[in-house]
Every structure is written in C-alpha cells, then in structure tokens.
C-alpha cells in the first residue's frame, strides 16, 4: 500500500536536496508526519489545501517498521502517521498538484 503526502514545492525541493523530510509545521507540532491513503488524499487536499497553487503530491510504499502507525483521525478513519523522518529512498513518485480554480487535479492513478 502507498502512503501520500501533500507538500509545498519548497518542501519538496528541500526534501530532494537533503534526502530527508522532517515534516511540515503541523507535523512538527504533532510529533509525527501526517499521511493519507489514496482514497483519503483528495479529502485531505480539500480540507487543508483549498486554493493553494504550489503543491506536490509525493508518495511511496508504506514503511514496514514500527515508526508507521495507523491511527484514528478525521471521521473515525485510520490515517498513516510516521513517527520518524521520511527518507527520499522511500519515495516512489511525485506529481504537481495543480489547482484548477475549484479543486486540485490529482494524478490519473488516484482518480
């Protein structure tokens, strides 16, 4: 199963340059990196990123170590939370998440 992270273009560039993602401000505050599943990613974008134009969707296989925990969050659904940095070697793909004036345009594999 893949896990998905929506991040700014600046964060994605920094991630690529350092090979490590420590998290966005909300992640740092909460103590873990928030991820979504493929079915949760669109709702996450609509709830937290509406109107933002500098976004990327980054994803990779869910880590198998104990640092990944599935925890109940929005609407009682379980979301993947990573309690360590995300390594660039764990990323399998990324795509720009363009804002079309109404919603974000997700890659075809998520539509």
PDB file of N, CA and C in Angstrom:
ATOM      1  N   UNK A   1       0.842  -1.180   0.000  1.00  0.00           N
ATOM      2  CA  UNK A   1       0.000   0.000   0.000  1.00  0.00           C
ATOM      3  C   UNK A   1       0.888   1.244   0.000  1.00  0.00           C
ATOM      4  N   UNK A   2       0.478   2.237  -0.764  1.00  0.00           N
ATOM      5  CA  UNK A   2       1.185   3.518  -0.787  1.00  0.00           C
ATOM      6  C   UNK A   2       0.614   4.472   0.254  1.00  0.00           C
ATOM      7  N   UNK A   3       1.475   5.382   0.700  1.00  0.00           N
ATOM      8  CA  UNK A   3       1.045   6.495   1.539  1.00  0.00           C
ATOM      9  C   UNK A   3       1.369   7.783   0.786  1.00  0.00           C
ATOM     10  N   UNK A   4       0.558   8.818   1.012  1.00  0.00           N
ATOM     11  CA  UNK A   4       0.622  10.054   0.232  1.00  0.00           C
ATOM     12  C   UNK A   4       0.780  11.258   1.146  1.00  0.00           C
ATOM     13  N   UNK A   5       1.643  12.175   0.709  1.00  0.00           N
ATOM     14  CA  UNK A   5       1.884  13.410   1.443  1.00  0.00           C
ATOM     15  C   UNK A   5       1.729  14.583   0.485  1.00  0.00           C
ATOM     16  N   UNK A   6       0.921  15.562   0.876  1.00  0.00           N
ATOM     17  CA  UNK A   6       0.792  16.804   0.122  1.00  0.00           C
ATOM     18  C   UNK A   6       1.763  17.790   0.748  1.00  0.00           C
ATOM     19  N   UNK A   7       2.621  18.373  -0.090  1.00  0.00           N
ATOM     20  CA  UNK A   7       3.604  19.327   0.429  1.00  0.00           C
ATOM     21  C   UNK A   7       3.816  20.456  -0.565  1.00  0.00           C
ATOM     22  N   UNK A   8       4.343  21.555  -0.057  1.00  0.00           N
ATOM     23  CA  UNK A   8       4.621  22.698  -0.927  1.00  0.00           C
ATOM     24  C   UNK A   8       5.790  22.359  -1.850  1.00  0.00           C
ATOM     25  N   UNK A   9       5.892  23.124  -2.928  1.00  0.00           N
ATOM     26  CA  UNK A   9       7.004  22.953  -3.855  1.00  0.00           C
ATOM     27  C   UNK A   9       8.334  23.183  -3.145  1.00  0.00           C
ATOM     28  N   UNK A  10       8.388  24.163  -2.239  1.00  0.00           N
ATOM     29  CA  UNK A  10       9.616  24.423  -1.482  1.00  0.00           C
ATOM     30  C   UNK A  10       9.989  23.224  -0.613  1.00  0.00           C
ATOM     31  N   UNK A  11       9.014  22.645   0.061  1.00  0.00           N
ATOM     32  CA  UNK A  11       9.282  21.484   0.908  1.00  0.00           C
ATOM     33  C   UNK A  11       9.757  20.299   0.071  1.00  0.00           C
ATOM     34  N   UNK A  12       9.146  20.097  -1.099  1.00  0.00           N
ATOM     35  CA  UNK A  12       9.545  19.002  -1.979  1.00  0.00           C
ATOM     36  C   UNK A  12      10.972  19.221  -2.484  1.00  0.00           C
ATOM     37  N   UNK A  13      11.314  20.445  -2.849  1.00  0.00           N
ATOM     38  CA  UNK A  13      12.680  20.748  -3.292  1.00  0.00           C
ATOM     39  C   UNK A  13      13.692  20.490  -2.181  1.00  0.00           C
ATOM     40  N   UNK A  14      13.355  20.917  -0.972  1.00  0.00           N
ATOM     41  CA  UNK A  14      14.251  20.700   0.169  1.00  0.00           C
ATOM     42  C   UNK A  14      14.397  19.211   0.459  1.00  0.00           C
ATOM     43  N   UNK A  15      13.302  18.481   0.385  1.00  0.00           N
ATOM     44  CA  UNK A  15      13.314  17.034   0.597  1.00  0.00           C
ATOM     45  C   UNK A  15      14.271  16.382  -0.398  1.00  0.00           C
ATOM     46  N   UNK A  16      14.164  16.760  -1.667  1.00  0.00           N
ATOM     47  CA  UNK A  16      15.042  16.188  -2.691  1.00  0.00           C
ATOM     48  C   UNK A  16      16.513  16.544  -2.440  1.00  0.00           C
ATOM     49  N   UNK A  17      16.756  17.754  -1.970  1.00  0.00           N
ATOM     50  CA  UNK A  17      18.127  18.210  -1.740  1.00  0.00           C
ATOM     51  C   UNK A  17      18.774  17.543  -0.529  1.00  0.00           C
ATOM     52  N   UNK A  18      17.974  17.272   0.507  1.00  0.00           N
ATOM     53  CA  UNK A  18      18.523  16.724   1.753  1.00  0.00           C
ATOM     54  C   UNK A  18      18.288  15.229   1.924  1.00  0.00           C
ATOM     55  N   UNK A  19      17.418  14.656   1.083  1.00  0.00           N
ATOM     56  CA  UNK A  19      17.038  13.234   1.151  1.00  0.00           C
ATOM     57  C   UNK A  19      16.287  12.868   2.422  1.00  0.00           C
ATOM     58  N   UNK A  20      15.761  13.887   3.111  1.00  0.00           N
ATOM     59  CA  UNK A  20      15.056  13.651   4.376  1.00  0.00           C
ATOM     60  C   UNK A  20      13.962  14.695   4.538  1.00  0.00           C
ATOM     61  N   UNK A  21      12.772  14.241   4.938  1.00  0.00           N
ATOM     62  CA  UNK A  21      11.658  15.145   5.205  1.00  0.00           C
ATOM     63  C   UNK A  21      11.307  15.021   6.678  1.00  0.00           C
ATOM     64  N   UNK A  22      11.468  16.136   7.398  1.00  0.00           N
ATOM     65  CA  UNK A  22      11.182  16.119   8.834  1.00  0.00           C
ATOM     66  C   UNK A  22       9.739  16.489   9.129  1.00  0.00           C
ATOM     67  N   UNK A  23       9.047  17.042   8.129  1.00  0.00           N
ATOM     68  CA  UNK A  23       7.641  17.363   8.285  1.00  0.00           C
ATOM     69  C   UNK A  23       7.336  18.830   8.076  1.00  0.00           C
ATOM     70  N   UNK A  24       6.067  19.097   7.798  1.00  0.00           N
ATOM     71  CA  UNK A  24       5.545  20.456   7.729  1.00  0.00           C
ATOM     72  C   UNK A  24       5.324  20.939   9.158  1.00  0.00           C
ATOM     73  N   UNK A  25       4.955  22.194   9.322  1.00  0.00           N
ATOM     74  CA  UNK A  25       4.776  22.746  10.673  1.00  0.00           C
ATOM     75  C   UNK A  25       3.773  21.935  11.496  1.00  0.00           C
ATOM     76  N   UNK A  26       2.659  21.523  10.902  1.00  0.00           N
ATOM     77  CA  UNK A  26       1.662  20.737  11.640  1.00  0.00           C
ATOM     78  C   UNK A  26       2.246  19.395  12.085  1.00  0.00           C
ATOM     79  N   UNK A  27       3.094  18.801  11.239  1.00  0.00           N
ATOM     80  CA  UNK A  27       3.737  17.533  11.596  1.00  0.00           C
ATOM     81  C   UNK A  27       4.676  17.724  12.785  1.00  0.00           C
ATOM     82  N   UNK A  28       5.469  18.779  12.721  1.00  0.00           N
ATOM     83  CA  UNK A  28       6.413  19.057  13.809  1.00  0.00           C
ATOM     84  C   UNK A  28       5.677  19.318  15.116  1.00  0.00           C
ATOM     85  N   UNK A  29       4.553  20.032  15.035  1.00  0.00           N
ATOM     86  CA  UNK A  29       3.748  20.312  16.222  1.00  0.00           C
ATOM     87  C   UNK A  29       3.162  19.030  16.811  1.00  0.00           C
ATOM     88  N   UNK A  30       2.662  18.153  15.936  1.00  0.00           N
ATOM     89  CA  UNK A  30       2.004  16.927  16.398  1.00  0.00           C
ATOM     90  C   UNK A  30       2.981  15.806  16.763  1.00  0.00           C
ATOM     91  N   UNK A  31       4.230  15.902  16.283  1.00  0.00           N
ATOM     92  CA  UNK A  31       5.224  14.887  16.620  1.00  0.00           C
ATOM     93  C   UNK A  31       5.274  13.705  15.679  1.00  0.00           C
ATOM     94  N   UNK A  32       4.625  13.812  14.543  1.00  0.00           N
ATOM     95  CA  UNK A  32       4.657  12.758  13.521  1.00  0.00           C
ATOM     96  C   UNK A  32       4.287  13.383  12.180  1.00  0.00           C
ATOM     97  N   UNK A  33       4.631  12.680  11.097  1.00  0.00           N
ATOM     98  CA  UNK A  33       4.294  13.160   9.760  1.00  0.00           C
ATOM     99  C   UNK A  33       2.938  12.581   9.370  1.00  0.00           C
ATOM    100  N   UNK A  34       2.025  13.480   9.028  1.00  0.00           N
ATOM    101  CA  UNK A  34       0.685  13.090   8.585  1.00  0.00           C
ATOM    102  C   UNK A  34       0.732  12.607   7.140  1.00  0.00           C
ATOM    103  N   UNK A  35       0.134  11.464   6.882  1.00  0.00           N
ATOM    104  CA  UNK A  35      -0.021  10.942   5.527  1.00  0.00           C
ATOM    105  C   UNK A  35      -1.486  10.611   5.290  1.00  0.00           C
ATOM    106  N   UNK A  36      -1.805  10.339   4.039  1.00  0.00           N
ATOM    107  CA  UNK A  36      -3.137   9.871   3.653  1.00  0.00           C
ATOM    108  C   UNK A  36      -2.983   8.620   2.807  1.00  0.00           C
ATOM    109  N   UNK A  37      -4.054   7.855   2.712  1.00  0.00           N
ATOM    110  CA  UNK A  37      -4.120   6.779   1.734  1.00  0.00           C
ATOM    111  C   UNK A  37      -4.582   7.384   0.417  1.00  0.00           C
ATOM    112  N   UNK A  38      -4.589   6.600  -0.633  1.00  0.00           N
ATOM    113  CA  UNK A  38      -5.042   7.088  -1.934  1.00  0.00           C
ATOM    114  C   UNK A  38      -6.488   7.583  -1.854  1.00  0.00           C
ATOM    115  N   UNK A  39      -7.324   6.895  -1.126  1.00  0.00           N
ATOM    116  CA  UNK A  39      -8.736   7.299  -1.032  1.00  0.00           C
ATOM    117  C   UNK A  39      -8.936   8.510  -0.135  1.00  0.00           C
ATOM    118  N   UNK A  40      -7.993   8.802   0.752  1.00  0.00           N
ATOM    119  CA  UNK A  40      -8.107   9.942   1.666  1.00  0.00           C
ATOM    120  C   UNK A  40      -7.462  11.217   1.127  1.00  0.00           C
ATOM    121  N   UNK A  41      -6.587  11.110   0.140  1.00  0.00           N
ATOM    122  CA  UNK A  41      -5.777  12.250  -0.311  1.00  0.00           C
ATOM    123  C   UNK A  41      -6.615  13.411  -0.842  1.00  0.00           C
ATOM    124  N   UNK A  42      -7.651  13.132  -1.614  1.00  0.00           N
ATOM    125  CA  UNK A  42      -8.480  14.222  -2.158  1.00  0.00           C
ATOM    126  C   UNK A  42      -9.197  14.983  -1.048  1.00  0.00           C
ATOM    127  N   UNK A  43      -9.717  14.270  -0.073  1.00  0.00           N
ATOM    128  CA  UNK A  43     -10.394  14.923   1.044  1.00  0.00           C
ATOM    129  C   UNK A  43      -9.402  15.754   1.863  1.00  0.00           C
ATOM    130  N   UNK A  44      -8.200  15.237   2.034  1.00  0.00           N
ATOM    131  CA  UNK A  44      -7.156  15.981   2.747  1.00  0.00           C
ATOM    132  C   UNK A  44      -6.849  17.276   2.003  1.00  0.00           C
ATOM    133  N   UNK A  45      -6.712  17.199   0.680  1.00  0.00           N
ATOM    134  CA  UNK A  45      -6.439  18.401  -0.116  1.00  0.00           C
ATOM    135  C   UNK A  45      -7.568  19.410   0.029  1.00  0.00           C
ATOM    136  N   UNK A  46      -8.803  18.943  -0.052  1.00  0.00           N
ATOM    137  CA  UNK A  46      -9.960  19.841   0.041  1.00  0.00           C
ATOM    138  C   UNK A  46     -10.074  20.467   1.433  1.00  0.00           C
ATOM    139  N   UNK A  47      -9.765  19.709   2.457  1.00  0.00           N
ATOM    140  CA  UNK A  47      -9.921  20.196   3.831  1.00  0.00           C
ATOM    141  C   UNK A  47      -8.798  21.143   4.253  1.00  0.00           C
ATOM    142  N   UNK A  48      -7.572  20.871   3.808  1.00  0.00           N
ATOM    143  CA  UNK A  48      -6.422  21.608   4.329  1.00  0.00           C
ATOM    144  C   UNK A  48      -5.666  22.467   3.313  1.00  0.00           C
ATOM    145  N   UNK A  49      -5.935  22.282   2.005  1.00  0.00           N
ATOM    146  CA  UNK A  49      -5.109  22.961   0.999  1.00  0.00           C
ATOM    147  C   UNK A  49      -5.907  23.673  -0.085  1.00  0.00           C
ATOM    148  N   UNK A  50      -7.191  23.886   0.106  1.00  0.00           N
ATOM    149  CA  UNK A  50      -8.024  24.532  -0.904  1.00  0.00           C
ATOM    150  C   UNK A  50      -7.420  25.865  -1.340  1.00  0.00           C
ATOM    151  N   UNK A  51      -7.303  26.034  -2.655  1.00  0.00           N
ATOM    152  CA  UNK A  51      -6.813  27.277  -3.238  1.00  0.00           C
ATOM    153  C   UNK A  51      -5.304  27.396  -3.332  1.00  0.00           C
ATOM    154  N   UNK A  52      -4.561  26.520  -2.679  1.00  0.00           N
ATOM    155  CA  UNK A  52      -3.099  26.600  -2.749  1.00  0.00           C
ATOM    156  C   UNK A  52      -2.612  26.100  -4.099  1.00  0.00           C
ATOM    157  N   UNK A  53      -1.632  26.808  -4.641  1.00  0.00           N
ATOM    158  CA  UNK A  53      -1.195  26.528  -6.004  1.00  0.00           C
ATOM    159  C   UNK A  53       0.220  25.984  -6.115  1.00  0.00           C
ATOM    160  N   UNK A  54       0.945  25.919  -5.042  1.00  0.00           N
ATOM    161  CA  UNK A  54       2.350  25.493  -5.118  1.00  0.00           C
ATOM    162  C   UNK A  54       2.556  24.112  -4.511  1.00  0.00           C
ATOM    163  N   UNK A  55       1.648  23.184  -4.775  1.00  0.00           N
ATOM    164  CA  UNK A  55       1.660  21.894  -4.084  1.00  0.00           C
ATOM    165  C   UNK A  55       2.157  20.742  -4.952  1.00  0.00           C
ATOM    166  N   UNK A  56       2.684  19.747  -4.259  1.00  0.00           N
ATOM    167  CA  UNK A  56       3.073  18.481  -4.867  1.00  0.00           C
ATOM    168  C   UNK A  56       2.451  17.353  -4.061  1.00  0.00           C
ATOM    169  N   UNK A  57       2.103  16.287  -4.754  1.00  0.00           N
ATOM    170  CA  UNK A  57       1.690  15.046  -4.119  1.00  0.00           C
ATOM    171  C   UNK A  57       2.874  14.091  -4.235  1.00  0.00           C
ATOM    172  N   UNK A  58       3.355  13.629  -3.094  1.00  0.00           N
ATOM    173  CA  UNK A  58       4.525  12.765  -3.037  1.00  0.00           C
ATOM    174  C   UNK A  58       4.084  11.463  -2.386  1.00  0.00           C
ATOM    175  N   UNK A  59       4.528  10.329  -2.932  1.00  0.00           N
ATOM    176  CA  UNK A  59       4.086   9.069  -2.347  1.00  0.00           C
ATOM    177  C   UNK A  59       5.139   7.980  -2.466  1.00  0.00           C
ATOM    178  N   UNK A  60       4.899   6.963  -1.657  1.00  0.00           N
ATOM    179  CA  UNK A  60       5.772   5.798  -1.643  1.00  0.00           C
ATOM    180  C   UNK A  60       5.109   4.672  -0.878  1.00  0.00           C
ATOM    181  N   UNK A  61       5.758   3.531  -0.904  1.00  0.00           N
ATOM    182  CA  UNK A  61       5.250   2.373  -0.167  1.00  0.00           C
ATOM    183  C   UNK A  61       5.245   2.680   1.325  1.00  0.00           C
ATOM    184  N   UNK A  62       4.223   2.212   1.997  1.00  0.00           N
ATOM    185  CA  UNK A  62       4.136   2.406   3.448  1.00  0.00           C
ATOM    186  C   UNK A  62       5.305   1.694   4.113  1.00  0.00           C
ATOM    187  N   UNK A  63       6.074   2.407   4.933  1.00  0.00           N
ATOM    188  CA  UNK A  63       7.173   1.747   5.657  1.00  0.00           C
ATOM    189  C   UNK A  63       6.649   0.586   6.496  1.00  0.00           C
ATOM    190  N   UNK A  64       7.479  -0.410   6.634  1.00  0.00           N
ATOM    191  CA  UNK A  64       7.062  -1.600   7.389  1.00  0.00           C
ATOM    192  C   UNK A  64       7.606  -1.604   8.816  1.00  0.00           C
ATOM    193  N   UNK A  65       8.355  -0.567   9.176  1.00  0.00           N
ATOM    194  CA  UNK A  65       8.881  -0.539  10.542  1.00  0.00           C
ATOM    195  C   UNK A  65       7.832  -0.012  11.516  1.00  0.00           C
ATOM    196  N   UNK A  66       8.147  -0.115  12.783  1.00  0.00           N
ATOM    197  CA  UNK A  66       7.182   0.257  13.822  1.00  0.00           C
ATOM    198  C   UNK A  66       6.953   1.760  13.926  1.00  0.00           C
ATOM    199  N   UNK A  67       7.716   2.568  13.182  1.00  0.00           N
ATOM    200  CA  UNK A  67       7.534   4.024  13.212  1.00  0.00           C
ATOM    201  C   UNK A  67       6.257   4.453  12.494  1.00  0.00           C
ATOM    202  N   UNK A  68       5.690   3.593  11.646  1.00  0.00           N
ATOM    203  CA  UNK A  68       4.425   3.903  10.976  1.00  0.00           C
ATOM    204  C   UNK A  68       3.284   3.328  11.795  1.00  0.00           C
ATOM    205  N   UNK A  69       2.384   4.216  12.195  1.00  0.00           N
ATOM    206  CA  UNK A  69       1.229   3.795  12.991  1.00  0.00           C
ATOM    207  C   UNK A  69      -0.049   4.242  12.286  1.00  0.00           C
ATOM    208  N   UNK A  70      -1.027   3.381  12.287  1.00  0.00           N
ATOM    209  CA  UNK A  70      -2.335   3.699  11.724  1.00  0.00           C
ATOM    210  C   UNK A  70      -3.219   4.131  12.882  1.00  0.00           C
ATOM    211  N   UNK A  71      -3.606   5.408  12.860  1.00  0.00           N
ATOM    212  CA  UNK A  71      -4.332   5.960  13.999  1.00  0.00           C
ATOM    213  C   UNK A  71      -5.622   6.635  13.546  1.00  0.00           C
ATOM    214  N   UNK A  72      -6.629   6.513  14.392  1.00  0.00           N
ATOM    215  CA  UNK A  72      -7.936   7.095  14.090  1.00  0.00           C
ATOM    216  C   UNK A  72      -7.820   8.613  14.083  1.00  0.00           C
ATOM    217  N   UNK A  73      -8.380   9.207  13.043  1.00  0.00           N
ATOM    218  CA  UNK A  73      -8.343  10.658  12.889  1.00  0.00           C
ATOM    219  C   UNK A  73      -9.688  11.104  12.337  1.00  0.00           C
ATOM    220  N   UNK A  74      -9.678  11.936  11.323  1.00  0.00           N
ATOM    221  CA  UNK A  74     -10.866  12.543  10.743  1.00  0.00           C
ATOM    222  C   UNK A  74     -11.952  11.502  10.433  1.00  0.00           C
ATOM    223  N   UNK A  75     -13.131  11.743  10.960  1.00  0.00           N
ATOM    224  CA  UNK A  75     -14.279  10.902  10.664  1.00  0.00           C
ATOM    225  C   UNK A  75     -14.156   9.473  11.160  1.00  0.00           C
ATOM    226  N   UNK A  76     -13.265   9.233  12.098  1.00  0.00           N
ATOM    227  CA  UNK A  76     -13.096   7.881  12.621  1.00  0.00           C
ATOM    228  C   UNK A  76     -12.247   6.978  11.741  1.00  0.00           C
ATOM    229  N   UNK A  77     -11.727   7.498  10.621  1.00  0.00           N
ATOM    230  CA  UNK A  77     -10.896   6.698   9.719  1.00  0.00           C
ATOM    231  C   UNK A  77      -9.470   6.614  10.249  1.00  0.00           C
ATOM    232  N   UNK A  78      -8.800   5.523   9.945  1.00  0.00           N
ATOM    233  CA  UNK A  78      -7.398   5.371  10.310  1.00  0.00           C
ATOM    234  C   UNK A  78      -6.517   6.009   9.245  1.00  0.00           C
ATOM    235  N   UNK A  79      -5.587   6.837   9.691  1.00  0.00           N
ATOM    236  CA  UNK A  79      -4.639   7.504   8.806  1.00  0.00           C
ATOM    237  C   UNK A  79      -3.229   7.045   9.159  1.00  0.00           C
ATOM    238  N   UNK A  80      -2.336   6.979   8.163  1.00  0.00           N
ATOM    239  CA  UNK A  80      -0.946   6.629   8.454  1.00  0.00           C
ATOM    240  C   UNK A  80      -0.181   7.823   9.019  1.00  0.00           C
ATOM    241  N   UNK A  81       0.489   7.596  10.136  1.00  0.00           N
ATOM    242  CA  UNK A  81       1.312   8.612  10.794  1.00  0.00           C
ATOM    243  C   UNK A  81       2.712   8.033  10.963  1.00  0.00           C
ATOM    244  N   UNK A  82       3.715   8.779  10.519  1.00  0.00           N
ATOM    245  CA  UNK A  82       5.100   8.307  10.592  1.00  0.00           C
ATOM    246  C   UNK A  82       5.835   9.044  11.704  1.00  0.00           C
ATOM    247  N   UNK A  83       6.319   8.290  12.674  1.00  0.00           N
ATOM    248  CA  UNK A  83       6.996   8.845  13.844  1.00  0.00           C
ATOM    249  C   UNK A  83       8.516   8.836  13.661  1.00  0.00           C
ATOM    250  N   UNK A  84       8.952   9.279  12.530  1.00  0.00           N
ATOM    251  CA  UNK A  84      10.366   9.482  12.211  1.00  0.00           C
ATOM    252  C   UNK A  84      10.418  10.274  10.916  1.00  0.00           C
ATOM    253  N   UNK A  85      11.610  10.691  10.511  1.00  0.00           N
ATOM    254  CA  UNK A  85      11.758  11.380   9.232  1.00  0.00           C
ATOM    255  C   UNK A  85      11.418  10.433   8.088  1.00  0.00           C
ATOM    256  N   UNK A  86      10.938  11.009   7.004  1.00  0.00           N
ATOM    257  CA  UNK A  86      10.666  10.240   5.785  1.00  0.00           C
ATOM    258  C   UNK A  86      11.894  10.338   4.913  1.00  0.00           C
ATOM    259  N   UNK A  87      12.415   9.216   4.480  1.00  0.00           N
ATOM    260  CA  UNK A  87      13.622   9.174   3.667  1.00  0.00           C
ATOM    261  C   UNK A  87      13.257   9.240   2.172  1.00  0.00           C
ATOM    262  N   UNK A  88      14.048   9.983   1.415  1.00  0.00           N
ATOM    263  CA  UNK A  88      13.794  10.106  -0.019  1.00  0.00           C
ATOM    264  C   UNK A  88      13.832   8.739  -0.705  1.00  0.00           C
ATOM    265  N   UNK A  89      14.632   7.842  -0.200  1.00  0.00           N
ATOM    266  CA  UNK A  89      14.704   6.493  -0.779  1.00  0.00           C
ATOM    267  C   UNK A  89      13.379   5.739  -0.662  1.00  0.00           C
ATOM    268  N   UNK A  90      12.473   6.209   0.199  1.00  0.00           N
ATOM    269  CA  UNK A  90      11.172   5.565   0.369  1.00  0.00           C
ATOM    270  C   UNK A  90      10.114   6.132  -0.587  1.00  0.00           C
ATOM    271  N   UNK A  91      10.452   7.204  -1.281  1.00  0.00           N
ATOM    272  CA  UNK A  91       9.521   7.829  -2.224  1.00  0.00           C
ATOM    273  C   UNK A  91       9.583   7.084  -3.551  1.00  0.00           C
ATOM    274  N   UNK A  92       8.409   6.780  -4.101  1.00  0.00           N
ATOM    275  CA  UNK A  92       8.381   6.110  -5.396  1.00  0.00           C
ATOM    276  C   UNK A  92       7.938   7.032  -6.526  1.00  0.00           C
ATOM    277  N   UNK A  93       7.233   8.120  -6.200  1.00  0.00           N
ATOM    278  CA  UNK A  93       6.792   9.034  -7.240  1.00  0.00           C
ATOM    279  C   UNK A  93       6.316  10.347  -6.639  1.00  0.00           C
ATOM    280  N   UNK A  94       6.201  11.339  -7.506  1.00  0.00           N
ATOM    281  CA  UNK A  94       5.697  12.656  -7.109  1.00  0.00           C
ATOM    282  C   UNK A  94       5.080  13.307  -8.342  1.00  0.00           C
ATOM    283  N   UNK A  95       4.094  14.152  -8.111  1.00  0.00           N
ATOM    284  CA  UNK A  95       3.440  14.858  -9.211  1.00  0.00           C
ATOM    285  C   UNK A  95       2.950  16.207  -8.714  1.00  0.00           C
ATOM    286  N   UNK A  96       2.999  17.228  -9.577  1.00  0.00           N
ATOM    287  CA  UNK A  96       2.436  18.518  -9.181  1.00  0.00           C
ATOM    288  C   UNK A  96       0.946  18.369  -8.920  1.00  0.00           C
ATOM    289  N   UNK A  97       0.447  19.102  -7.967  1.00  0.00           N
ATOM    290  CA  UNK A  97      -0.965  19.055  -7.599  1.00  0.00           C
ATOM    291  C   UNK A  97      -1.567  20.405  -7.966  1.00  0.00           C
ATOM    292  N   UNK A  98      -1.912  20.549  -9.224  1.00  0.00           N
ATOM    293  CA  UNK A  98      -2.381  21.831  -9.755  1.00  0.00           C
ATOM    294  C   UNK A  98      -3.771  22.175  -9.237  1.00  0.00           C
ATOM    295  N   UNK A  99      -3.980  23.452  -8.963  1.00  0.00           N
ATOM    296  CA  UNK A  99      -5.274  23.986  -8.563  1.00  0.00           C
ATOM    297  C   UNK A  99      -5.976  24.464  -9.828  1.00  0.00           C
ATOM    298  N   UNK A 100      -7.187  23.956 -10.087  1.00  0.00           N
ATOM    299  CA  UNK A 100      -7.894  24.327 -11.310  1.00  0.00           C
ATOM    300  C   UNK A 100      -8.952  25.411 -11.084  1.00  0.00           C
ATOM    301  N   UNK A 101      -8.939  26.023  -9.922  1.00  0.00           N
ATOM    302  CA  UNK A 101      -9.916  27.048  -9.595  1.00  0.00           C
ATOM    303  C   UNK A 101     -11.060  26.529  -8.755  1.00  0.00           C
ATOM    304  N   UNK A 102     -11.217  25.221  -8.723  1.00  0.00           N
ATOM    305  CA  UNK A 102     -12.273  24.582  -7.949  1.00  0.00           C
ATOM    306  C   UNK A 102     -11.726  23.495  -7.022  1.00  0.00           C
ATOM    307  N   UNK A 103     -10.863  22.649  -7.588  1.00  0.00           N
ATOM    308  CA  UNK A 103     -10.252  21.548  -6.842  1.00  0.00           C
ATOM    309  C   UNK A 103      -8.819  21.364  -7.336  1.00  0.00           C
ATOM    310  N   UNK A 104      -8.113  20.459  -6.686  1.00  0.00           N
ATOM    311  CA  UNK A 104      -6.785  20.096  -7.164  1.00  0.00           C
ATOM    312  C   UNK A 104      -6.917  18.951  -8.162  1.00  0.00           C
ATOM    313  N   UNK A 105      -6.083  18.996  -9.189  1.00  0.00           N
ATOM    314  CA  UNK A 105      -6.057  17.939 -10.199  1.00  0.00           C
ATOM    315  C   UNK A 105      -5.073  16.860  -9.774  1.00  0.00           C
ATOM    316  N   UNK A 106      -5.603  15.705  -9.420  1.00  0.00           N
ATOM    317  CA  UNK A 106      -4.773  14.599  -8.960  1.00  0.00           C
ATOM    318  C   UNK A 106      -4.289  13.759 -10.120  1.00  0.00           C
ATOM    319  N   UNK A 107      -3.156  13.091  -9.946  1.00  0.00           N
ATOM    320  CA  UNK A 107      -2.652  12.189 -10.987  1.00  0.00           C
ATOM    321  C   UNK A 107      -3.695  11.127 -11.316  1.00  0.00           C
ATOM    322  N   UNK A 108      -3.681  10.651 -12.542  1.00  0.00           N
ATOM    323  CA  UNK A 108      -4.682   9.683 -13.015  1.00  0.00           C
ATOM    324  C   UNK A 108      -4.773   8.443 -12.148  1.00  0.00           C
ATOM    325  N   UNK A 109      -3.652   7.997 -11.593  1.00  0.00           N
ATOM    326  CA  UNK A 109      -3.687   6.780 -10.774  1.00  0.00           C
ATOM    327  C   UNK A 109      -4.468   6.939  -9.485  1.00  0.00           C
ATOM    328  N   UNK A 110      -4.803   8.173  -9.130  1.00  0.00           N
ATOM    329  CA  UNK A 110      -5.603   8.415  -7.918  1.00  0.00           C
ATOM    330  C   UNK A 110      -7.034   8.857  -8.246  1.00  0.00           C
ATOM    331  N   UNK A 111      -7.376   8.936  -9.503  1.00  0.00           N
ATOM    332  CA  UNK A 111      -8.730   9.384  -9.854  1.00  0.00           C
ATOM    333  C   UNK A 111      -9.632   8.231 -10.181  1.00  0.00           C
TER     334      UNK A 111
END
